[in-house]
Amino acid sequence: MTKLKTLKRELLKDPEVRAEFDVRAPEYELVSALIAARKKANLTQAEVAEKMGTKQAAVARMESGRQKPSYKSIERYAEATGHRATVTLVPE
């Protein structure tokens, strides 16, 4: 069975796949940051949802990248996990 990291490395050798991956990198970074914050807070998706005043399915959509959250939602997620949201603009 191929490991996910090995498969990813092989797929990213294709220039078209790499280009699409690079375009979506900021989304992947956000999703990773959300999940890391929740895990660091030792909370389940349901617990984060309760603290945010929403449903677990909404948190799951945010963490999967299927739904692009508003900044307000990111702030509420951050607060629910004991974090503070910030925005950083970096030159290209």
Protein backbone atom coordinates (compact mmCIF):
# COMPACT_ATOMS: atom_id res chain seq x y z
CA MET A 1 0.00 0.00 0.00
CA THR A 2 1.33 3.43 -0.93
CA LYS A 3 1.71 5.87 1.92
CA LEU A 4 0.00 9.24 1.57
CA LYS A 5 3.28 11.18 1.78
CA THR A 6 4.79 9.04 -0.97
CA LEU A 7 1.74 9.45 -3.17
CA LYS A 8 1.72 13.22 -2.62
CA ARG A 9 5.41 13.48 -3.48
CA GLU A 10 4.86 11.51 -6.69
CA LEU A 11 1.80 13.52 -7.73
CA LEU A 12 3.55 16.84 -7.11
CA LYS A 13 6.19 15.91 -9.69
CA ASP A 14 3.56 16.65 -12.36
CA PRO A 15 3.81 20.40 -13.18
CA GLU A 16 0.04 20.78 -13.61
CA VAL A 17 -0.69 19.12 -10.28
CA ARG A 18 2.04 21.20 -8.61
CA ALA A 19 0.61 24.44 -10.04
CA GLU A 20 -2.89 23.65 -8.74
CA PHE A 21 -1.48 22.63 -5.36
CA ASP A 22 0.45 25.88 -5.11
CA VAL A 23 -2.67 27.92 -5.93
CA ARG A 24 -4.53 26.20 -3.09
CA ALA A 25 -1.65 26.31 -0.59
CA PRO A 26 -3.14 29.19 1.49
CA GLU A 27 -6.36 27.19 1.93
CA TYR A 28 -4.39 24.13 3.04
CA GLU A 29 -2.42 26.27 5.50
CA LEU A 30 -5.62 27.66 7.01
CA VAL A 31 -7.15 24.20 7.38
CA SER A 32 -3.96 22.90 9.00
CA ALA A 33 -3.89 25.85 11.40
CA LEU A 34 -7.52 25.29 12.41
CA ILE A 35 -7.01 21.61 13.10
CA ALA A 36 -3.75 22.24 14.97
CA ALA A 37 -5.46 24.84 17.19
CA ARG A 38 -8.30 22.45 18.00
CA LYS A 39 -5.94 19.60 18.79
CA LYS A 40 -3.74 21.84 20.94
CA ALA A 41 -6.86 22.85 22.89
CA ASN A 42 -7.71 19.13 23.23
CA LEU A 43 -11.22 19.71 21.86
CA THR A 44 -13.45 17.73 19.53
CA GLN A 45 -15.21 19.31 16.59
CA ALA A 46 -18.46 19.08 18.55
CA GLU A 47 -16.92 20.94 21.50
CA VAL A 48 -15.57 23.69 19.25
CA ALA A 49 -18.97 23.96 17.58
CA GLU A 50 -20.72 24.31 20.93
CA LYS A 51 -18.33 27.09 21.98
CA MET A 52 -18.88 28.81 18.63
CA GLY A 53 -22.65 28.49 18.81
CA THR A 54 -22.84 26.39 15.66
CA LYS A 55 -23.10 22.75 14.63
CA GLN A 56 -20.34 20.16 14.41
CA ALA A 57 -20.97 19.82 10.67
CA ALA A 58 -20.07 23.49 10.17
CA VAL A 59 -16.76 22.97 11.96
CA ALA A 60 -16.12 19.85 9.86
CA ARG A 61 -16.72 21.85 6.66
CA MET A 62 -14.30 24.55 7.83
CA GLU A 63 -11.64 21.97 8.68
CA SER A 64 -12.06 20.09 5.42
CA GLY A 65 -11.72 23.17 3.24
CA ARG A 66 -15.13 22.54 1.65
CA GLN A 67 -16.35 25.86 3.01
CA LYS A 68 -14.31 29.04 2.96
CA PRO A 69 -14.99 30.58 6.36
CA SER A 70 -15.50 34.28 6.87
CA TYR A 71 -12.98 36.15 8.99
CA LYS A 72 -15.64 36.40 11.71
CA SER A 73 -15.97 32.60 11.72
CA ILE A 74 -12.21 32.24 11.96
CA GLU A 75 -12.21 34.64 14.92
CA ARG A 76 -14.95 32.64 16.65
CA TYR A 77 -13.07 29.38 15.97
CA ALA A 78 -9.87 30.87 17.34
CA GLU A 79 -11.60 32.12 20.46
CA ALA A 80 -13.26 28.72 20.99
CA THR A 81 -9.84 27.07 20.92
CA GLY A 82 -8.11 29.63 23.12
CA HIS A 83 -6.34 31.40 20.28
CA ARG A 84 -6.41 34.80 18.58
CA ALA A 85 -6.78 35.17 14.83
CA THR A 86 -4.45 37.46 12.91
CA VAL A 87 -3.90 38.30 9.27
CA THR A 88 -0.46 38.59 7.76
CA LEU A 89 0.14 39.98 4.29
CA VAL A 90 3.39 38.88 2.70
CA PRO A 91 4.94 40.14 -0.52
CA GLU A 92 5.03 37.73 -3.43
